[in-house]
Amino acid sequence: MWGIFLKQELKKLLKLPEGSLNFRDSTVTYMMDNLGNVDSELRDKLIYSLFARGFEEKAFTAKQQQMIITDFINKLGIFTEIDGEEDDRVFLRSFSALLGSILLDVDEETRLFTDKQRVLIFKSAIDNLKKENDFRGYVPEKGWAHAIAHGSDFLGSAISHDAFHMENTKPIFDIVRCIIAKLDHPFINEEEQRIAYAFFQGVSSRNIEEWDLVSFIEEYDNELWEKYIKSKGDLPAFYCLSTWFHIMQNWYFMFFEYQNIKEILYLKIRKYLEKMFD
């Protein structure tokens, strides 16, 4: 009964006009405890929407912000059973990633984290996508899992952050390798676009060097073609190559004003089209 009452409270909060939003501490606790609830209305339409609105409208008190940050960092829900089989815990990982993205975006404007916390969150955004095994998009009756897409949003917020810094950013590209290596079927919910955009954010913010991306494109494209040819065109190898092609297509338009990146992408995209449709 208490859960039903609090869900109704969230519905009322969402209907409040802009600027009049406020939360009770118990409501914030309930939102954090149900971040990965399998009820898609509660998880997605209410809790996620209210977190986004609450931070945008500065509706959380300083105490409540610390409650959210402490819970997020202590629990690190983005890694909950990440090495296990596909199950409902993907919703906690996925929506923790979305909350992480919100927190990092706010942190750029008004520092929320300590330096140590921020470094931990940056690392978590990178490690999350490398480890995620649940590639489902929409789950019937439970809504969007979309762990790869939401994890990519989190990654984009991390590697474009004004405090993000790595001496060697090349290992970040291993994220693409890790994701594609696990594919046994194609993405169908525009995950490639979200992956591509995260790296666009990193390069456009100048936290990742253009030439590092160019080098990665050249090297990884050759790797995938070699594997595809050795496999004699079996389906898993084709799905890997096709997914990479879709990422490059997205990059081509995202990086249209970056001449060096655009040129290498054009060559690799043309190569794919010529070989696949010759």
Protein backbone atom coordinates (compact mmCIF):
# COMPACT_ATOMS: atom_id res chain seq x y z
CA MET A 1 0.00 0.00 0.00
CA TRP A 2 2.84 2.39 0.87
CA GLY A 3 4.37 1.82 -2.56
CA ILE A 4 1.08 2.61 -4.28
CA PHE A 5 0.76 5.81 -2.24
CA LEU A 6 4.28 6.93 -3.17
CA LYS A 7 3.73 6.15 -6.85
CA GLN A 8 0.65 8.37 -6.79
CA GLU A 9 2.72 11.06 -5.09
CA LEU A 10 5.26 10.91 -7.93
CA LYS A 11 2.46 11.30 -10.48
CA LYS A 12 1.29 14.43 -8.67
CA LEU A 13 4.82 15.82 -8.53
CA LEU A 14 5.27 15.33 -12.26
CA LYS A 15 2.14 17.39 -12.94
CA LEU A 16 3.38 20.37 -10.94
CA PRO A 17 4.20 23.47 -13.02
CA GLU A 18 7.82 24.34 -13.67
CA GLY A 19 9.54 25.90 -10.68
CA SER A 20 7.20 24.49 -8.05
CA LEU A 21 8.72 21.02 -7.73
CA ASN A 22 9.90 19.90 -4.28
CA PHE A 23 10.61 16.54 -2.66
CA ARG A 24 10.32 14.95 0.75
CA ASP A 25 13.43 13.04 1.88
CA SER A 26 11.40 9.82 2.00
CA THR A 27 10.32 10.38 -1.61
CA VAL A 28 13.95 10.72 -2.73
CA THR A 29 14.82 7.51 -0.88
CA TYR A 30 11.91 5.75 -2.58
CA MET A 31 13.08 6.98 -5.99
CA MET A 32 16.60 5.69 -5.43
CA ASP A 33 15.34 2.35 -4.10
CA ASN A 34 13.17 1.88 -7.20
CA LEU A 35 15.58 3.18 -9.82
CA GLY A 36 15.56 -0.22 -11.53
CA ASN A 37 11.97 -1.25 -10.82
CA VAL A 38 10.45 -3.50 -13.50
CA ASP A 39 7.36 -1.29 -13.58
CA SER A 40 8.20 0.82 -16.64
CA GLU A 41 5.80 3.61 -15.69
CA LEU A 42 7.35 3.97 -12.25
CA ARG A 43 10.95 3.58 -13.42
CA ASP A 44 10.93 5.51 -16.68
CA LYS A 45 8.03 7.92 -16.82
CA LEU A 46 8.07 8.89 -13.15
CA ILE A 47 11.40 8.32 -11.39
CA TYR A 48 13.78 9.06 -14.26
CA SER A 49 11.69 12.03 -15.42
CA LEU A 50 11.59 13.47 -11.91
CA PHE A 51 15.33 13.06 -11.41
CA ALA A 52 15.97 14.88 -14.68
CA ARG A 53 13.45 17.61 -13.88
CA GLY A 54 14.47 17.85 -10.26
CA PHE A 55 18.10 18.59 -11.07
CA GLU A 56 17.23 20.87 -13.97
CA GLU A 57 14.91 22.95 -11.77
CA LYS A 58 17.24 22.76 -8.74
CA ALA A 59 14.38 21.26 -6.76
CA PHE A 60 16.47 18.95 -4.57
CA THR A 61 17.81 20.31 -1.30
CA ALA A 62 21.54 20.12 -0.60
CA LYS A 63 20.84 17.25 1.80
CA GLN A 64 18.83 15.39 -0.85
CA GLN A 65 21.57 15.87 -3.44
CA GLN A 66 24.04 14.28 -1.06
CA MET A 67 21.60 11.44 -0.41
CA ILE A 68 21.43 10.75 -4.14
CA ILE A 69 25.19 11.03 -4.68
CA THR A 70 26.05 8.86 -1.67
CA ASP A 71 23.56 6.18 -2.70
CA PHE A 72 24.75 6.26 -6.32
CA ILE A 73 28.43 5.92 -5.41
CA ASN A 74 28.05 3.44 -2.55
CA LYS A 75 25.78 1.04 -4.43
CA LEU A 76 27.21 1.52 -7.95
CA GLY A 77 24.07 0.01 -9.42
CA ILE A 78 25.59 0.19 -12.89
CA PHE A 79 27.56 -2.97 -12.03
CA THR A 80 24.83 -4.98 -10.28
CA GLU A 81 25.18 -8.59 -11.51
CA ILE A 82 26.73 -7.28 -14.72
CA ASP A 83 28.55 -10.59 -15.26
CA GLY A 84 25.40 -12.67 -14.89
CA GLU A 85 22.71 -13.91 -17.24
CA GLU A 86 20.05 -11.69 -18.78
CA ASP A 87 17.55 -10.79 -16.07
CA ASP A 88 15.65 -7.85 -14.61
CA ARG A 89 18.69 -6.40 -12.88
CA VAL A 90 19.61 -4.87 -16.22
CA PHE A 91 17.05 -2.16 -15.46
CA LEU A 92 18.98 -1.08 -12.38
CA ARG A 93 22.25 -0.96 -14.33
CA SER A 94 20.68 0.88 -17.24
CA PHE A 95 18.81 3.51 -15.27
CA SER A 96 21.73 3.98 -12.90
CA ALA A 97 23.71 4.89 -16.01
CA LEU A 98 21.05 7.46 -16.98
CA LEU A 99 21.14 8.93 -13.49
CA GLY A 100 24.94 9.05 -13.70
CA SER A 101 24.65 11.02 -16.92
CA ILE A 102 22.30 13.51 -15.25
CA LEU A 103 24.66 13.91 -12.29
CA LEU A 104 27.71 14.49 -14.49
CA ASP A 105 25.89 17.07 -16.60
CA VAL A 106 24.88 18.96 -13.46
CA ASP A 107 28.40 18.59 -12.05
CA GLU A 108 29.78 20.55 -14.99
CA GLU A 109 27.66 23.55 -14.03
CA THR A 110 27.70 23.26 -10.24
CA ARG A 111 30.26 20.91 -8.76
CA LEU A 112 28.47 18.04 -7.01
CA PHE A 113 31.35 15.59 -6.60
CA THR A 114 34.69 15.60 -4.90
CA ASP A 115 37.66 15.04 -7.22
CA LYS A 116 37.97 11.47 -5.98
CA GLN A 117 34.28 10.76 -6.58
CA ARG A 118 34.44 12.25 -10.07
CA VAL A 119 37.40 10.06 -11.08
CA LEU A 120 35.53 6.99 -9.81
CA ILE A 121 32.47 7.91 -11.84
CA PHE A 122 34.50 8.53 -15.00
CA LYS A 123 36.10 5.10 -14.61
CA SER A 124 32.72 3.51 -13.92
CA ALA A 125 31.27 4.96 -17.13
CA ILE A 126 34.09 3.37 -19.14
CA ASP A 127 34.08 0.02 -17.33
CA ASN A 128 30.30 -0.33 -17.44
CA LEU A 129 30.13 -0.59 -21.23
CA LYS A 130 33.12 -2.91 -21.39
CA LYS A 131 31.45 -5.35 -18.98
CA GLU A 132 27.78 -5.14 -20.00
CA ASN A 133 26.45 -8.38 -21.48
CA ASP A 134 22.72 -7.65 -21.77
CA PHE A 135 22.13 -6.19 -25.22
CA ARG A 136 18.33 -6.17 -25.12
CA GLY A 137 16.52 -3.02 -26.17
CA TYR A 138 12.81 -3.07 -25.45
CA VAL A 139 11.62 -5.84 -23.12
CA PRO A 140 7.90 -6.70 -23.50
CA GLU A 141 5.77 -5.69 -20.51
CA LYS A 142 8.80 -4.17 -18.74
CA GLY A 143 9.89 -1.41 -21.10
CA TRP A 144 13.33 -0.24 -22.15
CA ALA A 145 16.36 -2.08 -20.80
CA HIS A 146 18.66 -0.50 -23.40
CA ALA A 147 21.79 -0.92 -21.28
CA ILE A 148 24.16 -0.26 -24.19
CA ALA A 149 22.34 2.91 -25.25
CA HIS A 150 22.00 4.27 -21.72
CA GLY A 151 25.55 3.27 -20.89
CA SER A 152 26.67 5.19 -23.98
CA ASP A 153 24.82 8.27 -22.75
CA PHE A 154 26.69 7.93 -19.44
CA LEU A 155 29.99 7.48 -21.28
CA GLY A 156 29.35 10.58 -23.39
CA SER A 157 28.70 12.68 -20.30
CA ALA A 158 31.91 11.36 -18.74
CA ILE A 159 34.37 11.78 -21.60
CA SER A 160 33.03 15.21 -22.57
CA HIS A 161 33.13 16.53 -18.99
CA ASP A 162 35.39 19.55 -18.49
CA ALA A 163 37.24 17.73 -15.69
CA PHE A 164 37.80 14.52 -17.64
CA HIS A 165 41.44 13.75 -18.26
CA MET A 166 43.40 10.67 -19.26
CA GLU A 167 47.02 10.73 -20.35
CA ASN A 168 46.29 7.98 -22.83
CA THR A 169 42.72 7.89 -24.13
CA LYS A 170 43.32 5.09 -26.64
CA PRO A 171 42.06 2.36 -24.24
CA ILE A 172 38.66 4.06 -24.31
CA PHE A 173 38.26 2.75 -27.85
CA ASP A 174 38.39 -0.77 -26.42
CA ILE A 175 34.78 -0.12 -25.44
CA VAL A 176 33.79 -0.50 -29.09
CA ARG A 177 35.84 -3.69 -29.36
CA CYS A 178 34.25 -5.15 -26.22
CA ILE A 179 30.71 -4.41 -27.35
CA ILE A 180 31.09 -5.65 -30.90
CA ALA A 181 33.01 -8.78 -29.87
CA LYS A 182 29.98 -9.95 -27.87
CA LEU A 183 27.45 -9.55 -30.67
CA ASP A 184 25.58 -12.64 -31.79
CA HIS A 185 22.73 -10.68 -33.37
CA PRO A 186 22.40 -7.17 -34.77
CA PHE A 187 21.25 -4.17 -32.77
CA ILE A 188 17.74 -3.05 -33.70
CA ASN A 189 17.12 -0.02 -31.46
CA GLU A 190 19.68 2.51 -32.72
CA GLU A 191 22.34 1.53 -30.21
CA GLU A 192 25.01 2.27 -32.81
CA GLN A 193 23.91 5.90 -32.92
CA ARG A 194 24.22 6.26 -29.16
CA ILE A 195 27.65 4.60 -29.11
CA ALA A 196 28.83 6.85 -31.93
CA TYR A 197 27.53 9.99 -30.27
CA ALA A 198 29.39 9.28 -27.03
CA PHE A 199 32.70 9.33 -28.91
CA PHE A 200 31.66 12.40 -30.86
CA GLN A 201 31.14 14.14 -27.52
CA GLY A 202 34.61 13.09 -26.40
CA VAL A 203 36.31 14.38 -29.54
CA SER A 204 34.25 17.57 -29.90
CA SER A 205 35.06 18.49 -26.29
CA ARG A 206 38.76 17.94 -27.15
CA ASN A 207 39.17 15.33 -24.44
CA ILE A 208 39.95 12.77 -27.14
CA GLU A 209 42.37 13.60 -29.93
CA GLU A 210 41.08 13.47 -33.51
CA TRP A 211 44.11 11.46 -34.60
CA ASP A 212 43.48 8.84 -31.94
CA LEU A 213 40.04 8.25 -33.43
CA VAL A 214 41.46 8.17 -36.97
CA SER A 215 44.08 5.60 -35.90
CA PHE A 216 41.44 3.49 -34.21
CA ILE A 217 39.17 3.52 -37.27
CA GLU A 218 42.03 2.41 -39.51
CA GLU A 219 43.23 -0.32 -37.17
CA TYR A 220 39.88 -1.72 -36.07
CA ASP A 221 38.36 -1.74 -39.53
CA ASN A 222 41.25 -3.87 -40.76
CA GLU A 223 40.85 -6.21 -37.76
CA LEU A 224 37.17 -6.79 -38.46
CA TRP A 225 37.67 -7.42 -42.16
CA GLU A 226 40.39 -9.93 -41.39
CA LYS A 227 38.12 -11.80 -38.97
CA TYR A 228 35.22 -11.69 -41.41
CA ILE A 229 37.31 -13.13 -44.24
CA LYS A 230 38.75 -15.87 -42.01
CA SER A 231 35.24 -16.80 -40.85
CA LYS A 232 34.17 -17.12 -44.48
CA GLY A 233 31.35 -14.71 -43.83
CA ASP A 234 29.55 -16.48 -40.99
CA LEU A 235 26.69 -14.60 -39.34
CA PRO A 236 28.38 -13.50 -36.06
CA ALA A 237 31.32 -12.05 -38.02
CA PHE A 238 28.89 -10.34 -40.39
CA TYR A 239 26.93 -8.83 -37.50
CA CYS A 240 30.15 -7.44 -36.04
CA LEU A 241 31.18 -5.89 -39.33
CA SER A 242 27.70 -4.57 -40.06
CA THR A 243 27.43 -2.95 -36.62
CA TRP A 244 30.80 -1.30 -37.13
CA PHE A 245 29.59 -0.04 -40.52
CA HIS A 246 26.55 1.55 -38.87
CA ILE A 247 28.73 3.23 -36.23
CA MET A 248 30.94 4.64 -38.99
CA GLN A 249 27.90 5.87 -40.90
CA ASN A 250 26.78 7.81 -37.83
CA TRP A 251 30.26 9.18 -37.29
CA TYR A 252 30.50 10.33 -40.90
CA PHE A 253 27.64 12.78 -40.41
CA MET A 254 28.53 13.69 -36.83
CA PHE A 255 32.11 14.49 -37.83
CA PHE A 256 31.22 16.10 -41.15
CA GLU A 257 33.24 19.23 -40.29
CA TYR A 258 36.29 17.23 -39.14
CA GLN A 259 38.13 16.73 -42.42
CA ASN A 260 40.64 14.08 -41.34
CA ILE A 261 38.03 11.94 -39.63
CA LYS A 262 35.54 12.36 -42.45
CA GLU A 263 38.08 11.28 -45.05
CA ILE A 264 39.01 8.01 -43.33
CA LEU A 265 35.34 7.25 -42.69
CA TYR A 266 34.48 7.84 -46.34
CA LEU A 267 37.15 5.39 -47.44
CA LYS A 268 36.04 2.71 -44.95
CA ILE A 269 32.35 3.12 -45.73
CA ARG A 270 33.00 2.94 -49.46
CA LYS A 271 35.14 -0.17 -48.92
CA TYR A 272 32.28 -1.86 -47.06
CA LEU A 273 29.73 -1.02 -49.74
CA GLU A 274 32.00 -2.15 -52.56
CA LYS A 275 32.87 -5.47 -50.92
CA MET A 276 29.37 -6.30 -49.71
CA PHE A 277 27.53 -5.35 -52.88
CA ASP A 278 30.11 -6.18 -55.53
